[in-house]
C-alpha atoms as a PDB file:
ATOM      1  CA  MET A   1       0.000   0.000   0.000  1.00  0.00           C
ATOM      2  CA  THR A   2       2.945   2.360   0.586  1.00  0.00           C
ATOM      3  CA  HIS A   3       3.876   2.163  -3.091  1.00  0.00           C
ATOM      4  CA  LEU A   4       0.600   3.662  -4.342  1.00  0.00           C
ATOM      5  CA  PRO A   5       1.608   7.341  -3.916  1.00  0.00           C
ATOM      6  CA  ILE A   6       4.925   6.656  -5.662  1.00  0.00           C
ATOM      7  CA  MET A   7       3.121   4.897  -8.528  1.00  0.00           C
ATOM      8  CA  ALA A   8       0.676   7.799  -8.870  1.00  0.00           C
ATOM      9  CA  LEU A   9       3.585  10.243  -8.992  1.00  0.00           C
ATOM     10  CA  ASP A  10       5.357   8.111 -11.611  1.00  0.00           C
ATOM     11  CA  HIS A  11       2.206   8.017 -13.761  1.00  0.00           C
ATOM     12  CA  ALA A  12       1.741  11.783 -13.502  1.00  0.00           C
ATOM     13  CA  LEU A  13       5.377  12.428 -14.459  1.00  0.00           C
ATOM     14  CA  LEU A  14       5.136   9.991 -17.381  1.00  0.00           C
ATOM     15  CA  TYR A  15       1.934  11.700 -18.584  1.00  0.00           C
ATOM     16  CA  LEU A  16       3.618  15.108 -18.532  1.00  0.00           C
ATOM     17  CA  GLN A  17       6.647  13.740 -20.390  1.00  0.00           C
ATOM     18  CA  LEU A  18       4.528  12.069 -23.078  1.00  0.00           C
ATOM     19  CA  ASN A  19       2.279  15.121 -23.526  1.00  0.00           C
ATOM     20  CA  PRO A  20       4.561  18.162 -23.860  1.00  0.00           C
ATOM     21  CA  GLU A  21       1.636  20.365 -24.936  1.00  0.00           C
ATOM     22  CA  VAL A  22       0.174  20.005 -21.440  1.00  0.00           C
ATOM     23  CA  CYS A  23       1.432  22.579 -18.980  1.00  0.00           C
ATOM     24  CA  GLY A  24       1.400  21.296 -15.470  1.00  0.00           C
ATOM     25  CA  MET A  25       2.904  21.318 -12.074  1.00  0.00           C
ATOM     26  CA  LEU A  26       3.095  18.570  -9.492  1.00  0.00           C
ATOM     27  CA  LEU A  27       2.903  19.440  -5.835  1.00  0.00           C
ATOM     28  CA  LYS A  28       3.422  16.723  -3.246  1.00  0.00           C
ATOM     29  CA  LEU A  29       2.344  17.597   0.263  1.00  0.00           C
ATOM     30  CA  ASP A  30       3.238  15.575   3.331  1.00  0.00           C
ATOM     31  CA  LEU A  31      -0.004  15.410   5.301  1.00  0.00           C
ATOM     32  CA  GLU A  32       1.274  12.998   7.957  1.00  0.00           C
ATOM     33  CA  LYS A  33       1.314  15.586  10.748  1.00  0.00           C
ATOM     34  CA  ALA A  34      -0.887  18.163   9.073  1.00  0.00           C
ATOM     35  CA  TYR A  35      -3.565  18.185  11.796  1.00  0.00           C
ATOM     36  CA  ASP A  36      -0.923  19.380  14.265  1.00  0.00           C
ATOM     37  CA  ARG A  37       0.298  22.119  11.942  1.00  0.00           C
ATOM     38  CA  ILE A  38      -2.893  23.980  10.982  1.00  0.00           C
ATOM     39  CA  ARG A  39      -2.327  27.591  11.993  1.00  0.00           C
ATOM     40  CA  TRP A  40      -5.291  29.024  13.860  1.00  0.00           C
ATOM     41  CA  ASP A  41      -5.092  32.377  12.047  1.00  0.00           C
ATOM     42  CA  PHE A  42      -5.273  30.517   8.711  1.00  0.00           C
ATOM     43  CA  LEU A  43      -8.249  28.527   9.970  1.00  0.00           C
ATOM     44  CA  GLU A  44     -10.036  31.700  11.079  1.00  0.00           C
ATOM     45  CA  ASP A  45      -9.317  33.401   7.729  1.00  0.00           C
ATOM     46  CA  THR A  46     -10.600  30.285   5.959  1.00  0.00           C
ATOM     47  CA  LEU A  47     -13.842  30.360   7.932  1.00  0.00           C
ATOM     48  CA  ARG A  48     -14.271  34.041   7.054  1.00  0.00           C
ATOM     49  CA  ALA A  49     -13.524  33.324   3.383  1.00  0.00           C
ATOM     50  CA  SER A  50     -16.243  30.650   3.544  1.00  0.00           C
ATOM     51  CA  ARG A  51     -18.632  33.447   4.565  1.00  0.00           C
ATOM     52  CA  LEU A  52     -19.768  31.771   7.744  1.00  0.00           C
ATOM     53  CA  PRO A  53     -21.618  34.018  10.192  1.00  0.00           C
ATOM     54  CA  GLU A  54     -19.364  35.676  12.775  1.00  0.00           C
ATOM     55  CA  SER A  55     -21.154  33.857  15.598  1.00  0.00           C
ATOM     56  CA  TRP A  56     -20.307  30.485  13.999  1.00  0.00           C
ATOM     57  CA  ILE A  57     -16.685  31.525  13.504  1.00  0.00           C
ATOM     58  CA  TRP A  58     -16.486  32.545  17.160  1.00  0.00           C
ATOM     59  CA  TRP A  59     -18.000  29.216  18.307  1.00  0.00           C
ATOM     60  CA  ILE A  60     -15.689  27.164  16.105  1.00  0.00           C
ATOM     61  CA  MET A  61     -12.603  29.086  17.184  1.00  0.00           C
ATOM     62  CA  GLN A  62     -13.602  28.660  20.837  1.00  0.00           C
ATOM     63  CA  CYS A  63     -13.852  24.901  20.276  1.00  0.00           C
ATOM     64  CA  VAL A  64     -10.428  24.838  18.621  1.00  0.00           C
ATOM     65  CA  THR A  65      -8.478  27.275  20.815  1.00  0.00           C
ATOM     66  CA  GLY A  66     -10.271  26.862  24.142  1.00  0.00           C
ATOM     67  CA  PRO A  67      -9.334  23.401  25.431  1.00  0.00           C
ATOM     68  CA  SER A  68      -6.170  22.828  27.398  1.00  0.00           C
ATOM     69  CA  MET A  69      -4.103  19.656  27.496  1.00  0.00           C
ATOM     70  CA  SER A  70      -1.813  17.871  29.903  1.00  0.00           C
ATOM     71  CA  LEU A  71       0.635  15.020  29.389  1.00  0.00           C
ATOM     72  CA  MET A  72       1.624  11.959  31.340  1.00  0.00           C
ATOM     73  CA  TRP A  73       5.358  12.269  32.039  1.00  0.00           C
ATOM     74  CA  ASN A  74       7.019   9.397  33.889  1.00  0.00           C
ATOM     75  CA  GLY A  75       3.644   8.363  35.256  1.00  0.00           C
ATOM     76  CA  GLU A  76       2.745  11.855  36.495  1.00  0.00           C
ATOM     77  CA  LYS A  77       0.349  14.329  34.957  1.00  0.00           C
ATOM     78  CA  THR A  78       1.917  17.634  33.878  1.00  0.00           C
ATOM     79  CA  GLU A  79       0.427  21.079  34.371  1.00  0.00           C
ATOM     80  CA  PRO A  80      -2.266  21.897  31.798  1.00  0.00           C
ATOM     81  CA  PHE A  81      -1.183  23.979  28.800  1.00  0.00           C
ATOM     82  CA  ARG A  82      -2.849  25.423  25.714  1.00  0.00           C
ATOM     83  CA  PRO A  83      -1.420  24.552  22.318  1.00  0.00           C
ATOM     84  CA  SER A  84      -0.813  27.425  19.885  1.00  0.00           C
ATOM     85  CA  ARG A  85      -1.847  25.666  16.663  1.00  0.00           C
ATOM     86  CA  GLY A  86      -3.305  22.458  15.289  1.00  0.00           C
ATOM     87  CA  LEU A  87      -6.553  20.542  15.305  1.00  0.00           C
ATOM     88  CA  ARG A  88      -7.296  17.862  17.855  1.00  0.00           C
ATOM     89  CA  GLN A  89      -7.322  14.263  16.668  1.00  0.00           C
ATOM     90  CA  GLY A  90     -10.636  12.637  17.539  1.00  0.00           C
ATOM     91  CA  ASP A  91     -12.597  15.897  17.605  1.00  0.00           C
ATOM     92  CA  PRO A  92     -15.637  15.370  15.336  1.00  0.00           C
ATOM     93  CA  LEU A  93     -15.258  18.891  13.939  1.00  0.00           C
ATOM     94  CA  SER A  94     -11.559  18.549  13.024  1.00  0.00           C
ATOM     95  CA  PRO A  95     -11.909  16.598   9.728  1.00  0.00           C
ATOM     96  CA  TYR A  96     -14.313  19.200   8.335  1.00  0.00           C
ATOM     97  CA  LEU A  97     -12.070  22.084   9.379  1.00  0.00           C
ATOM     98  CA  PHE A  98      -9.063  20.290   7.918  1.00  0.00           C
ATOM     99  CA  VAL A  99     -10.805  19.800   4.554  1.00  0.00           C
ATOM    100  CA  LEU A 100     -11.843  23.482   4.503  1.00  0.00           C
ATOM    101  CA  CYS A 101      -8.219  24.516   5.084  1.00  0.00           C
ATOM    102  CA  LEU A 102      -6.944  22.135   2.383  1.00  0.00           C
ATOM    103  CA  GLU A 103      -9.509  23.436  -0.091  1.00  0.00           C
ATOM    104  CA  ARG A 104      -8.418  26.995   0.619  1.00  0.00           C
ATOM    105  CA  LEU A 105      -4.753  26.053   0.242  1.00  0.00           C
ATOM    106  CA  CYS A 106      -5.522  24.426  -3.135  1.00  0.00           C
ATOM    107  CA  HIS A 107      -7.389  27.550  -4.206  1.00  0.00           C
ATOM    108  CA  GLN A 108      -4.485  29.799  -3.166  1.00  0.00           C
ATOM    109  CA  VAL A 109      -2.010  27.628  -5.091  1.00  0.00           C
ATOM    110  CA  GLU A 110      -4.269  27.740  -8.159  1.00  0.00           C
ATOM    111  CA  VAL A 111      -4.573  31.553  -7.970  1.00  0.00           C
ATOM    112  CA  ALA A 112      -0.791  31.866  -7.595  1.00  0.00           C
ATOM    113  CA  VAL A 113      -0.164  29.584 -10.595  1.00  0.00           C
ATOM    114  CA  VAL A 114      -2.647  31.444 -12.796  1.00  0.00           C
ATOM    115  CA  GLY A 115      -1.193  34.771 -11.683  1.00  0.00           C
ATOM    116  CA  LYS A 116       2.344  33.332 -12.096  1.00  0.00           C
ATOM    117  CA  GLU A 117       3.349  34.461  -8.596  1.00  0.00           C
END
């Protein structure tokens, strides 16, 4: 199963080589730790760009930024802390927020490519 992304990349490269009239760009993103890396300001901007009501944006951001966490370190619980970015694994809202952010990222890449930035 780990070879599927490599095969897809090989097929895309072969297609571009065999069809020189096609302009294209390949972008490979490593999404392994992407949930942990979503910036909260980007998420908030994405929600605004989606034209959600301000009250919904406030509720969603409270759900994302509000909770604190603590760790088990050598069998003892640490002091609670608040993370500064990321979406929580297991939160039912997180997959939807993640997809919204990915869609916005794709849109920004497309605009940059068309504008040749």
